N, C-alpha and C. Protein backbone atom coordinates (compact mmCIF):
# COMPACT_ATOMS: atom_id res chain seq x y z
N MET A 1 92.69 139.11 87.78
CA MET A 1 93.12 138.40 88.99
C MET A 1 93.82 137.12 88.59
N ILE A 2 94.88 136.81 89.29
CA ILE A 2 95.60 135.59 89.00
C ILE A 2 94.74 134.39 89.37
N LEU A 3 94.65 133.43 88.48
CA LEU A 3 93.91 132.21 88.78
C LEU A 3 94.75 131.34 89.69
N ARG A 4 94.22 131.09 90.86
CA ARG A 4 94.97 130.30 91.83
C ARG A 4 94.36 128.91 91.93
N ARG A 5 95.05 127.94 91.40
CA ARG A 5 94.62 126.56 91.50
C ARG A 5 95.35 125.90 92.65
N PHE A 6 94.69 124.94 93.25
CA PHE A 6 95.29 124.24 94.37
C PHE A 6 96.49 123.42 93.93
N VAL A 7 97.52 123.43 94.76
CA VAL A 7 98.68 122.57 94.50
C VAL A 7 99.11 121.93 95.80
N LEU A 8 99.33 120.64 95.77
CA LEU A 8 99.85 119.93 96.92
C LEU A 8 101.34 119.77 96.71
N LEU A 9 102.13 120.61 97.37
CA LEU A 9 103.56 120.64 97.13
C LEU A 9 104.28 119.75 98.12
N SER A 10 104.97 118.77 97.63
CA SER A 10 105.85 118.00 98.48
C SER A 10 106.74 117.12 97.65
N CYS A 11 108.04 117.43 97.67
CA CYS A 11 108.98 116.58 96.96
C CYS A 11 108.95 115.17 97.53
N LEU A 12 108.62 115.06 98.81
CA LEU A 12 108.61 113.75 99.44
C LEU A 12 107.54 112.86 98.84
N ILE A 13 106.43 113.44 98.41
CA ILE A 13 105.39 112.63 97.79
C ILE A 13 105.94 111.98 96.54
N LEU A 14 106.60 112.76 95.72
CA LEU A 14 107.11 112.23 94.47
C LEU A 14 108.25 111.26 94.70
N ALA A 15 109.08 111.53 95.69
CA ALA A 15 110.24 110.69 95.93
C ALA A 15 109.87 109.39 96.63
N SER A 16 108.91 109.45 97.54
CA SER A 16 108.62 108.29 98.36
C SER A 16 107.51 107.42 97.80
N LEU A 17 106.70 107.97 96.91
CA LEU A 17 105.55 107.23 96.41
C LEU A 17 105.58 107.16 94.89
N PRO A 18 106.63 106.59 94.31
CA PRO A 18 106.80 106.64 92.86
C PRO A 18 105.76 105.87 92.08
N ASN A 19 105.08 104.92 92.70
CA ASN A 19 104.14 104.09 91.96
C ASN A 19 102.74 104.69 91.89
N LEU A 20 102.55 105.81 92.57
CA LEU A 20 101.23 106.43 92.53
C LEU A 20 101.11 107.29 91.27
N ALA A 21 99.94 107.25 90.69
CA ALA A 21 99.73 107.99 89.44
C ALA A 21 99.10 109.34 89.75
N PHE A 22 99.93 110.34 90.07
CA PHE A 22 99.42 111.68 90.29
C PHE A 22 99.35 112.38 88.93
N SER A 23 98.46 111.89 88.09
CA SER A 23 98.43 112.33 86.70
C SER A 23 97.95 113.76 86.56
N GLN A 24 97.27 114.29 87.61
CA GLN A 24 96.77 115.65 87.51
C GLN A 24 97.90 116.67 87.54
N GLY A 25 99.03 116.32 88.11
CA GLY A 25 100.17 117.22 88.14
C GLY A 25 99.96 118.39 89.08
N HIS A 26 100.96 119.25 89.13
CA HIS A 26 100.91 120.45 89.95
C HIS A 26 100.37 121.62 89.13
N ALA A 27 99.93 122.65 89.83
CA ALA A 27 99.52 123.88 89.15
C ALA A 27 100.72 124.48 88.43
N ASP A 28 100.46 125.11 87.29
CA ASP A 28 101.55 125.63 86.46
C ASP A 28 102.46 126.59 87.23
N TRP A 29 101.87 127.42 88.10
CA TRP A 29 102.66 128.44 88.78
C TRP A 29 103.67 127.85 89.76
N SER A 30 103.49 126.60 90.14
CA SER A 30 104.33 126.04 91.20
C SER A 30 105.69 125.57 90.73
N TYR A 31 105.91 125.48 89.43
CA TYR A 31 107.12 124.84 88.93
C TYR A 31 108.37 125.72 88.95
N HIS A 32 108.22 127.01 88.74
CA HIS A 32 109.40 127.85 88.50
C HIS A 32 109.51 129.03 89.46
N LEU A 33 108.82 128.96 90.58
CA LEU A 33 108.88 130.04 91.56
C LEU A 33 109.77 129.65 92.74
N ASN A 34 110.45 130.63 93.29
CA ASN A 34 111.28 130.39 94.47
C ASN A 34 110.40 130.24 95.70
N ILE A 35 110.68 129.20 96.50
CA ILE A 35 109.92 128.94 97.72
C ILE A 35 110.72 129.42 98.92
N TYR A 36 110.07 130.15 99.81
CA TYR A 36 110.73 130.70 100.99
C TYR A 36 110.01 130.20 102.24
N GLU A 37 110.72 129.45 103.07
CA GLU A 37 110.12 128.88 104.29
C GLU A 37 110.15 129.89 105.43
N VAL A 38 109.05 129.97 106.16
CA VAL A 38 108.92 130.95 107.25
C VAL A 38 108.55 130.24 108.55
N ASN A 39 109.37 130.44 109.56
CA ASN A 39 109.05 130.04 110.93
C ASN A 39 108.52 131.28 111.63
N THR A 40 107.21 131.42 111.68
CA THR A 40 106.60 132.66 112.16
C THR A 40 107.09 133.04 113.55
N ARG A 41 107.21 132.07 114.41
CA ARG A 41 107.58 132.33 115.80
C ARG A 41 108.95 132.98 115.93
N GLN A 42 109.86 132.62 115.06
CA GLN A 42 111.24 133.11 115.19
C GLN A 42 111.64 134.12 114.11
N TYR A 43 110.73 134.44 113.21
CA TYR A 43 111.10 135.32 112.10
C TYR A 43 111.25 136.77 112.54
N THR A 44 110.41 137.19 113.47
CA THR A 44 110.46 138.58 113.93
C THR A 44 110.54 138.60 115.46
N ALA A 45 110.77 139.78 116.00
CA ALA A 45 110.88 139.92 117.45
C ALA A 45 109.59 139.53 118.15
N SER A 46 108.45 139.89 117.56
CA SER A 46 107.17 139.59 118.18
C SER A 46 106.65 138.21 117.80
N GLY A 47 107.17 137.65 116.72
CA GLY A 47 106.71 136.34 116.27
C GLY A 47 105.26 136.33 115.84
N THR A 48 104.83 137.39 115.16
CA THR A 48 103.42 137.52 114.78
C THR A 48 103.24 137.65 113.28
N PHE A 49 102.02 137.35 112.84
CA PHE A 49 101.69 137.52 111.43
C PHE A 49 101.83 138.98 111.02
N SER A 50 101.36 139.88 111.87
CA SER A 50 101.34 141.30 111.50
C SER A 50 102.76 141.84 111.32
N GLU A 51 103.69 141.45 112.17
CA GLU A 51 105.05 141.95 111.99
C GLU A 51 105.72 141.29 110.79
N PHE A 52 105.42 140.02 110.55
CA PHE A 52 105.99 139.38 109.37
C PHE A 52 105.58 140.11 108.10
N ALA A 53 104.36 140.63 108.07
CA ALA A 53 103.85 141.32 106.88
C ALA A 53 104.74 142.49 106.48
N THR A 54 105.45 143.07 107.43
CA THR A 54 106.31 144.21 107.11
C THR A 54 107.53 143.80 106.29
N HIS A 55 107.78 142.51 106.16
CA HIS A 55 108.94 142.02 105.41
C HIS A 55 108.59 141.60 103.98
N LEU A 56 107.32 141.70 103.62
CA LEU A 56 106.90 141.16 102.32
C LEU A 56 107.53 141.89 101.14
N ASP A 57 107.67 143.19 101.22
CA ASP A 57 108.28 143.92 100.10
C ASP A 57 109.72 143.46 99.89
N ARG A 58 110.44 143.25 100.97
CA ARG A 58 111.83 142.79 100.87
C ARG A 58 111.88 141.39 100.24
N LEU A 59 110.98 140.51 100.66
CA LEU A 59 110.96 139.16 100.11
C LEU A 59 110.58 139.18 98.63
N GLN A 60 109.66 140.06 98.28
CA GLN A 60 109.28 140.20 96.87
C GLN A 60 110.47 140.66 96.05
N ASP A 61 111.22 141.61 96.57
CA ASP A 61 112.41 142.11 95.87
C ASP A 61 113.48 141.02 95.74
N MET A 62 113.50 140.08 96.66
CA MET A 62 114.46 138.97 96.61
C MET A 62 114.09 137.94 95.55
N GLY A 63 112.88 138.05 95.02
CA GLY A 63 112.44 137.10 94.01
C GLY A 63 111.65 135.93 94.55
N VAL A 64 111.16 136.06 95.78
CA VAL A 64 110.34 134.99 96.36
C VAL A 64 108.99 134.95 95.66
N GLY A 65 108.56 133.75 95.29
CA GLY A 65 107.26 133.60 94.63
C GLY A 65 106.24 132.83 95.43
N ILE A 66 106.72 131.96 96.32
CA ILE A 66 105.85 131.15 97.16
C ILE A 66 106.34 131.25 98.60
N ILE A 67 105.46 131.64 99.50
CA ILE A 67 105.81 131.69 100.92
C ILE A 67 105.22 130.47 101.60
N TRP A 68 106.09 129.70 102.21
CA TRP A 68 105.72 128.45 102.88
C TRP A 68 105.83 128.67 104.38
N PHE A 69 104.68 128.65 105.05
CA PHE A 69 104.65 128.81 106.50
C PHE A 69 104.78 127.45 107.18
N MET A 70 105.71 127.34 108.10
CA MET A 70 105.71 126.19 109.00
C MET A 70 104.38 126.18 109.75
N PRO A 71 104.01 125.06 110.40
CA PRO A 71 102.65 124.96 110.97
C PRO A 71 102.22 126.20 111.74
N VAL A 72 101.02 126.65 111.43
CA VAL A 72 100.48 127.86 112.05
C VAL A 72 99.49 127.52 113.16
N HIS A 73 99.33 126.24 113.47
CA HIS A 73 98.31 125.79 114.42
C HIS A 73 98.78 125.91 115.87
N PRO A 74 97.82 125.85 116.80
CA PRO A 74 98.20 125.80 118.22
C PRO A 74 99.06 124.56 118.51
N ILE A 75 100.01 124.71 119.41
CA ILE A 75 100.95 123.64 119.75
C ILE A 75 100.48 122.92 121.02
N GLY A 76 100.60 121.60 121.01
CA GLY A 76 100.20 120.82 122.17
C GLY A 76 101.00 121.18 123.41
N VAL A 77 100.36 121.00 124.57
CA VAL A 77 101.00 121.26 125.86
C VAL A 77 101.44 119.96 126.52
N GLN A 78 100.59 118.94 126.47
CA GLN A 78 100.92 117.66 127.09
C GLN A 78 102.13 117.03 126.41
N ASN A 79 103.10 116.62 127.20
CA ASN A 79 104.34 116.00 126.70
C ASN A 79 105.11 116.90 125.74
N ARG A 80 104.93 118.18 125.88
CA ARG A 80 105.60 119.15 125.01
C ARG A 80 107.11 119.04 125.14
N LEU A 81 107.80 119.27 124.03
CA LEU A 81 109.25 119.29 124.03
C LEU A 81 109.74 120.69 124.39
N GLY A 82 110.44 120.81 125.51
CA GLY A 82 110.94 122.11 125.94
C GLY A 82 109.81 123.02 126.39
N SER A 83 110.13 124.28 126.55
CA SER A 83 109.14 125.24 127.04
C SER A 83 108.21 125.73 125.94
N LEU A 84 108.68 125.70 124.69
CA LEU A 84 107.89 126.23 123.58
C LEU A 84 107.16 125.15 122.80
N GLY A 85 107.72 123.95 122.75
CA GLY A 85 107.10 122.88 122.00
C GLY A 85 107.39 122.97 120.51
N SER A 86 107.11 121.89 119.82
CA SER A 86 107.31 121.82 118.38
C SER A 86 106.05 122.22 117.63
N PRO A 87 106.17 123.05 116.60
CA PRO A 87 104.99 123.40 115.81
C PRO A 87 104.38 122.21 115.08
N TYR A 88 105.12 121.10 115.02
CA TYR A 88 104.60 119.90 114.36
C TYR A 88 103.79 119.02 115.31
N SER A 89 103.56 119.52 116.52
CA SER A 89 102.67 118.88 117.49
C SER A 89 101.36 119.67 117.50
N VAL A 90 100.46 119.30 116.61
CA VAL A 90 99.26 120.10 116.33
C VAL A 90 98.14 119.78 117.32
N ARG A 91 97.65 120.82 117.97
CA ARG A 91 96.56 120.65 118.93
C ARG A 91 95.19 120.91 118.32
N ASP A 92 95.13 121.67 117.25
CA ASP A 92 93.84 122.00 116.63
C ASP A 92 94.07 122.32 115.17
N TYR A 93 93.52 121.49 114.28
CA TYR A 93 93.74 121.68 112.85
C TYR A 93 92.97 122.87 112.28
N LEU A 94 92.00 123.39 113.03
CA LEU A 94 91.14 124.44 112.49
C LEU A 94 91.38 125.79 113.15
N ALA A 95 92.53 125.96 113.77
CA ALA A 95 92.82 127.21 114.47
C ALA A 95 94.26 127.63 114.21
N VAL A 96 94.55 128.89 114.53
CA VAL A 96 95.93 129.37 114.45
C VAL A 96 96.50 129.51 115.86
N ASN A 97 97.80 129.41 115.96
CA ASN A 97 98.49 129.59 117.23
C ASN A 97 98.24 131.03 117.71
N PRO A 98 97.62 131.21 118.87
CA PRO A 98 97.33 132.58 119.32
C PRO A 98 98.58 133.42 119.54
N GLU A 99 99.75 132.77 119.69
CA GLU A 99 100.99 133.54 119.80
C GLU A 99 101.27 134.31 118.52
N PHE A 100 100.78 133.78 117.39
CA PHE A 100 101.05 134.41 116.09
C PHE A 100 100.03 135.49 115.76
N GLY A 101 98.84 135.39 116.32
CA GLY A 101 97.77 136.31 115.99
C GLY A 101 96.45 135.58 115.89
N THR A 102 95.51 136.16 115.17
CA THR A 102 94.19 135.57 115.01
C THR A 102 94.03 135.01 113.60
N LEU A 103 92.97 134.24 113.41
CA LEU A 103 92.69 133.72 112.08
C LEU A 103 92.44 134.87 111.11
N ASP A 104 91.73 135.89 111.55
CA ASP A 104 91.49 137.04 110.68
C ASP A 104 92.80 137.72 110.28
N GLU A 105 93.75 137.79 111.19
CA GLU A 105 95.05 138.39 110.87
C GLU A 105 95.81 137.53 109.87
N PHE A 106 95.69 136.21 110.01
CA PHE A 106 96.34 135.34 109.03
C PHE A 106 95.69 135.50 107.66
N LYS A 107 94.36 135.57 107.63
CA LYS A 107 93.66 135.76 106.36
C LYS A 107 94.08 137.08 105.71
N ALA A 108 94.22 138.13 106.51
CA ALA A 108 94.66 139.42 105.98
C ALA A 108 96.08 139.31 105.43
N LEU A 109 96.93 138.54 106.09
CA LEU A 109 98.29 138.34 105.61
C LEU A 109 98.29 137.60 104.28
N VAL A 110 97.47 136.58 104.16
CA VAL A 110 97.37 135.85 102.90
C VAL A 110 96.91 136.78 101.78
N ASP A 111 95.93 137.62 102.07
CA ASP A 111 95.44 138.57 101.07
C ASP A 111 96.55 139.53 100.64
N THR A 112 97.35 139.99 101.59
CA THR A 112 98.44 140.91 101.26
C THR A 112 99.49 140.22 100.40
N ILE A 113 99.81 138.99 100.73
CA ILE A 113 100.78 138.23 99.94
C ILE A 113 100.27 138.06 98.51
N HIS A 114 99.01 137.72 98.37
CA HIS A 114 98.43 137.56 97.03
C HIS A 114 98.46 138.88 96.26
N ALA A 115 98.19 139.98 96.95
CA ALA A 115 98.18 141.28 96.29
C ALA A 115 99.55 141.64 95.73
N LYS A 116 100.59 141.05 96.29
CA LYS A 116 101.95 141.30 95.81
C LYS A 116 102.38 140.26 94.77
N GLY A 117 101.43 139.44 94.34
CA GLY A 117 101.72 138.48 93.27
C GLY A 117 102.41 137.21 93.72
N MET A 118 102.40 136.95 95.02
CA MET A 118 103.02 135.73 95.55
C MET A 118 101.94 134.75 96.01
N TYR A 119 102.36 133.53 96.26
CA TYR A 119 101.45 132.46 96.66
C TYR A 119 101.77 132.01 98.08
N VAL A 120 100.80 131.31 98.70
CA VAL A 120 100.94 130.88 100.09
C VAL A 120 100.66 129.39 100.21
N ILE A 121 101.59 128.68 100.84
CA ILE A 121 101.33 127.30 101.24
C ILE A 121 101.65 127.18 102.72
N ILE A 122 101.00 126.23 103.38
CA ILE A 122 101.27 126.00 104.80
C ILE A 122 101.65 124.54 105.00
N ASP A 123 102.42 124.32 106.05
CA ASP A 123 102.75 122.95 106.44
C ASP A 123 101.48 122.24 106.91
N TRP A 124 101.33 120.99 106.47
CA TRP A 124 100.20 120.18 106.94
C TRP A 124 100.75 118.92 107.59
N VAL A 125 100.40 118.73 108.85
CA VAL A 125 100.90 117.59 109.63
C VAL A 125 99.75 116.60 109.79
N GLY A 126 99.61 115.70 108.85
CA GLY A 126 98.48 114.79 108.84
C GLY A 126 98.75 113.42 109.42
N ASN A 127 99.99 113.14 109.79
CA ASN A 127 100.34 111.80 110.26
C ASN A 127 100.10 111.61 111.75
N HIS A 128 100.17 112.69 112.51
CA HIS A 128 100.11 112.59 113.96
C HIS A 128 99.59 113.89 114.55
N THR A 129 99.18 113.85 115.80
CA THR A 129 98.72 115.05 116.50
C THR A 129 99.42 115.14 117.85
N SER A 130 99.17 116.24 118.53
CA SER A 130 99.62 116.35 119.92
C SER A 130 98.80 115.39 120.78
N TRP A 131 99.30 115.12 121.97
CA TRP A 131 98.60 114.24 122.90
C TRP A 131 97.29 114.85 123.38
N ASP A 132 97.18 116.17 123.35
CA ASP A 132 95.99 116.84 123.86
C ASP A 132 95.11 117.42 122.75
N ASN A 133 95.26 116.92 121.54
CA ASN A 133 94.33 117.30 120.48
C ASN A 133 92.94 116.79 120.86
N PRO A 134 91.88 117.60 120.70
CA PRO A 134 90.53 117.15 121.07
C PRO A 134 90.08 115.86 120.39
N LEU A 135 90.70 115.52 119.26
CA LEU A 135 90.33 114.27 118.59
C LEU A 135 90.60 113.06 119.46
N THR A 136 91.53 113.16 120.41
CA THR A 136 91.82 112.03 121.29
C THR A 136 90.62 111.70 122.17
N VAL A 137 89.75 112.69 122.37
CA VAL A 137 88.54 112.50 123.19
C VAL A 137 87.34 112.19 122.31
N THR A 138 87.18 112.96 121.24
CA THR A 138 86.00 112.79 120.40
C THR A 138 86.09 111.59 119.48
N HIS A 139 87.30 111.24 119.06
CA HIS A 139 87.49 110.11 118.14
C HIS A 139 88.76 109.33 118.49
N PRO A 140 88.80 108.69 119.65
CA PRO A 140 89.99 107.92 120.01
C PRO A 140 90.25 106.77 119.05
N GLU A 141 89.21 106.33 118.33
CA GLU A 141 89.38 105.23 117.37
C GLU A 141 90.20 105.65 116.16
N TRP A 142 90.46 106.92 116.01
CA TRP A 142 91.26 107.40 114.88
C TRP A 142 92.76 107.33 115.16
N TYR A 143 93.13 106.77 116.29
CA TYR A 143 94.54 106.70 116.67
C TYR A 143 95.01 105.26 116.77
N VAL A 144 96.29 105.06 116.50
CA VAL A 144 96.93 103.77 116.72
C VAL A 144 97.18 103.61 118.22
N THR A 145 96.91 102.42 118.75
CA THR A 145 97.13 102.16 120.17
C THR A 145 97.96 100.89 120.36
N ASP A 146 98.53 100.75 121.55
CA ASP A 146 99.27 99.54 121.86
C ASP A 146 98.32 98.47 122.40
N GLY A 147 98.88 97.36 122.88
CA GLY A 147 98.05 96.26 123.35
C GLY A 147 97.19 96.59 124.54
N SER A 148 97.55 97.67 125.25
CA SER A 148 96.78 98.09 126.42
C SER A 148 95.82 99.23 126.09
N GLY A 149 95.75 99.59 124.82
CA GLY A 149 94.84 100.66 124.41
C GLY A 149 95.40 102.05 124.59
N ASN A 150 96.70 102.17 124.80
CA ASN A 150 97.32 103.48 124.97
C ASN A 150 97.76 104.06 123.63
N PHE A 151 97.65 105.36 123.49
CA PHE A 151 98.15 106.03 122.30
C PHE A 151 99.67 105.86 122.22
N VAL A 152 100.19 105.88 121.00
CA VAL A 152 101.63 105.66 120.82
C VAL A 152 102.21 106.70 119.86
N PRO A 153 103.47 107.07 120.05
CA PRO A 153 104.14 107.95 119.08
C PRO A 153 104.31 107.23 117.75
N PRO A 154 104.61 107.95 116.69
CA PRO A 154 104.86 107.31 115.39
C PRO A 154 105.95 106.25 115.51
N PRO A 155 105.69 105.04 115.05
CA PRO A 155 106.68 103.95 115.16
C PRO A 155 108.00 104.31 114.50
N GLY A 156 109.08 103.89 115.14
CA GLY A 156 110.40 104.11 114.57
C GLY A 156 110.94 105.50 114.74
N THR A 157 110.28 106.32 115.55
CA THR A 157 110.73 107.70 115.78
C THR A 157 110.96 107.92 117.27
N ASN A 158 111.56 109.06 117.58
CA ASN A 158 111.67 109.50 118.98
C ASN A 158 110.79 110.73 119.22
N TRP A 159 109.70 110.81 118.47
CA TRP A 159 108.80 111.96 118.55
C TRP A 159 107.84 111.77 119.73
N SER A 160 108.31 111.99 120.91
CA SER A 160 107.54 111.69 122.11
C SER A 160 106.42 112.68 122.38
N ASP A 161 106.40 113.79 121.67
CA ASP A 161 105.37 114.81 121.90
C ASP A 161 104.14 114.63 121.03
N VAL A 162 104.13 113.61 120.16
CA VAL A 162 103.00 113.40 119.25
C VAL A 162 102.58 111.93 119.26
N ILE A 163 101.36 111.68 118.77
CA ILE A 163 100.82 110.32 118.71
C ILE A 163 100.28 110.02 117.32
N GLN A 164 100.39 108.75 116.94
CA GLN A 164 100.14 108.30 115.58
C GLN A 164 98.65 108.18 115.27
N LEU A 165 98.24 108.75 114.15
CA LEU A 165 96.89 108.58 113.66
C LEU A 165 96.77 107.29 112.86
N ASP A 166 95.54 106.76 112.79
CA ASP A 166 95.27 105.51 112.07
C ASP A 166 94.54 105.84 110.78
N HIS A 167 95.27 105.85 109.68
CA HIS A 167 94.69 106.27 108.41
C HIS A 167 93.88 105.19 107.71
N SER A 168 93.69 104.06 108.37
CA SER A 168 92.75 103.07 107.83
C SER A 168 91.31 103.47 108.16
N GLN A 169 91.15 104.46 109.03
CA GLN A 169 89.82 104.93 109.42
C GLN A 169 89.31 105.95 108.41
N GLN A 170 88.23 105.61 107.72
CA GLN A 170 87.70 106.52 106.70
C GLN A 170 87.22 107.82 107.31
N GLY A 171 86.70 107.75 108.53
CA GLY A 171 86.26 108.97 109.19
C GLY A 171 87.40 109.95 109.39
N LEU A 172 88.57 109.44 109.72
CA LEU A 172 89.74 110.30 109.87
C LEU A 172 90.12 110.92 108.53
N ARG A 173 90.10 110.12 107.49
CA ARG A 173 90.45 110.64 106.16
C ARG A 173 89.50 111.76 105.77
N ASP A 174 88.21 111.54 105.99
CA ASP A 174 87.23 112.57 105.64
C ASP A 174 87.46 113.84 106.45
N TYR A 175 87.73 113.67 107.73
CA TYR A 175 87.99 114.83 108.58
C TYR A 175 89.21 115.60 108.10
N MET A 176 90.27 114.87 107.78
CA MET A 176 91.52 115.51 107.38
C MET A 176 91.33 116.32 106.10
N ILE A 177 90.60 115.75 105.15
CA ILE A 177 90.35 116.46 103.90
C ILE A 177 89.50 117.70 104.15
N GLN A 178 88.47 117.58 104.99
CA GLN A 178 87.64 118.73 105.30
C GLN A 178 88.44 119.82 106.02
N ALA A 179 89.37 119.41 106.87
CA ALA A 179 90.21 120.39 107.56
C ALA A 179 91.11 121.13 106.57
N MET A 180 91.64 120.40 105.59
CA MET A 180 92.47 121.04 104.57
C MET A 180 91.63 122.00 103.73
N LEU A 181 90.41 121.59 103.42
CA LEU A 181 89.51 122.46 102.66
C LEU A 181 89.21 123.75 103.43
N PHE A 182 89.14 123.65 104.74
CA PHE A 182 88.90 124.84 105.56
C PHE A 182 89.94 125.92 105.27
N TRP A 183 91.21 125.53 105.18
CA TRP A 183 92.26 126.52 104.97
C TRP A 183 92.26 127.08 103.55
N ILE A 184 91.78 126.29 102.61
CA ILE A 184 91.64 126.81 101.25
C ILE A 184 90.47 127.77 101.16
N ASN A 185 89.33 127.35 101.72
CA ASN A 185 88.11 128.15 101.59
C ASN A 185 88.07 129.35 102.52
N GLU A 186 88.54 129.18 103.74
CA GLU A 186 88.44 130.24 104.74
C GLU A 186 89.63 131.20 104.71
N ALA A 187 90.82 130.66 104.56
CA ALA A 187 92.01 131.52 104.59
C ALA A 187 92.53 131.87 103.21
N GLY A 188 92.09 131.14 102.19
CA GLY A 188 92.49 131.47 100.83
C GLY A 188 93.88 131.03 100.44
N ILE A 189 94.46 130.06 101.18
CA ILE A 189 95.80 129.61 100.83
C ILE A 189 95.78 128.88 99.50
N ASP A 190 96.96 128.68 98.94
CA ASP A 190 97.07 128.09 97.61
C ASP A 190 97.48 126.62 97.62
N GLY A 191 97.94 126.12 98.75
CA GLY A 191 98.36 124.72 98.78
C GLY A 191 99.04 124.38 100.09
N PHE A 192 99.60 123.18 100.11
CA PHE A 192 100.21 122.64 101.32
C PHE A 192 101.57 122.03 101.04
N ARG A 193 102.46 122.13 102.00
CA ARG A 193 103.65 121.29 102.06
C ARG A 193 103.32 120.25 103.13
N CYS A 194 103.27 118.99 102.74
CA CYS A 194 102.78 117.96 103.64
C CYS A 194 103.92 117.24 104.34
N ASP A 195 103.84 117.21 105.66
CA ASP A 195 104.89 116.64 106.49
C ASP A 195 104.72 115.13 106.61
N ALA A 196 105.84 114.42 106.65
CA ALA A 196 105.86 112.97 106.92
C ALA A 196 104.95 112.19 105.98
N VAL A 197 104.96 112.55 104.71
CA VAL A 197 104.05 111.89 103.77
C VAL A 197 104.33 110.41 103.62
N SER A 198 105.57 109.99 103.79
CA SER A 198 105.89 108.58 103.61
C SER A 198 105.36 107.71 104.74
N PHE A 199 104.92 108.34 105.84
CA PHE A 199 104.31 107.60 106.94
C PHE A 199 102.84 107.29 106.65
N MET A 200 102.27 107.94 105.65
CA MET A 200 100.84 107.85 105.38
C MET A 200 100.57 107.10 104.09
N PRO A 201 99.41 106.43 103.98
CA PRO A 201 99.11 105.64 102.79
C PRO A 201 98.98 106.50 101.54
N GLY A 202 99.53 106.01 100.44
CA GLY A 202 99.47 106.76 99.20
C GLY A 202 98.07 106.98 98.70
N ASP A 203 97.16 106.03 98.96
CA ASP A 203 95.80 106.20 98.45
C ASP A 203 95.07 107.33 99.17
N PHE A 204 95.52 107.66 100.39
CA PHE A 204 94.94 108.84 101.04
C PHE A 204 95.28 110.10 100.26
N TRP A 205 96.55 110.21 99.83
CA TRP A 205 96.95 111.41 99.10
C TRP A 205 96.22 111.51 97.77
N SER A 206 96.00 110.40 97.11
CA SER A 206 95.22 110.44 95.87
C SER A 206 93.81 110.95 96.14
N GLU A 207 93.22 110.46 97.23
CA GLU A 207 91.88 110.88 97.62
C GLU A 207 91.86 112.37 97.96
N ALA A 208 92.85 112.81 98.72
CA ALA A 208 92.90 114.20 99.14
C ALA A 208 93.11 115.14 97.96
N ILE A 209 94.04 114.80 97.08
CA ILE A 209 94.33 115.66 95.93
C ILE A 209 93.09 115.81 95.05
N THR A 210 92.39 114.71 94.82
CA THR A 210 91.18 114.77 93.99
C THR A 210 90.14 115.69 94.62
N ALA A 211 89.92 115.54 95.93
CA ALA A 211 88.91 116.35 96.61
C ALA A 211 89.29 117.83 96.64
N LEU A 212 90.56 118.12 96.86
CA LEU A 212 90.99 119.51 96.99
C LEU A 212 91.02 120.22 95.64
N LYS A 213 91.46 119.52 94.61
CA LYS A 213 91.49 120.15 93.29
C LYS A 213 90.10 120.39 92.73
N ALA A 214 89.12 119.70 93.28
CA ALA A 214 87.74 119.92 92.82
C ALA A 214 87.22 121.29 93.20
N VAL A 215 87.85 121.91 94.21
CA VAL A 215 87.38 123.23 94.65
C VAL A 215 88.35 124.35 94.33
N LYS A 216 89.63 124.00 94.02
CA LYS A 216 90.59 125.06 93.71
C LYS A 216 91.74 124.51 92.90
């Protein structure tokens, strides 16, 4: 069996955070494989994990080595952009978008990809959530607010469908790492492409990489 070590893939980490000492490096397999990005919703007529699986042989023949899924999580409804919303407006970090299928179907897809000698990474949106993410109720202190206590979109953006998390909160950091571990342990993925890394503190990424590599 191929030894699958965790890799946190993001060129933005290396480009935006040059002073951080990521001395552990990436997993060996990540350096020379072709990465193929997949928008599950638009890749096939049904927009499902099961139909996407029918394309794996073709992708393997093309020389794809790493399949990178855009966010697979449920999309927020409140303040949604358009009728479909953006997949980067995450409503639940521990679930899959029911439009794509079930968690078990995603796990089966990951297993099939691995059986064909390819690796799986998923987009991780750790900087912000949808307005209706349950964390807004259970942990409102994990969000940045304005002078009136209202949630706010990420500063300097026009991302009106999402709200900024406060990464100075250790509880949020712990939650985020545990959520990432869920996808490694439960779904068997090999790593993450992390979105908007330059918006987040570099010491969080050091903390996350250390914790994740300890298990895979």
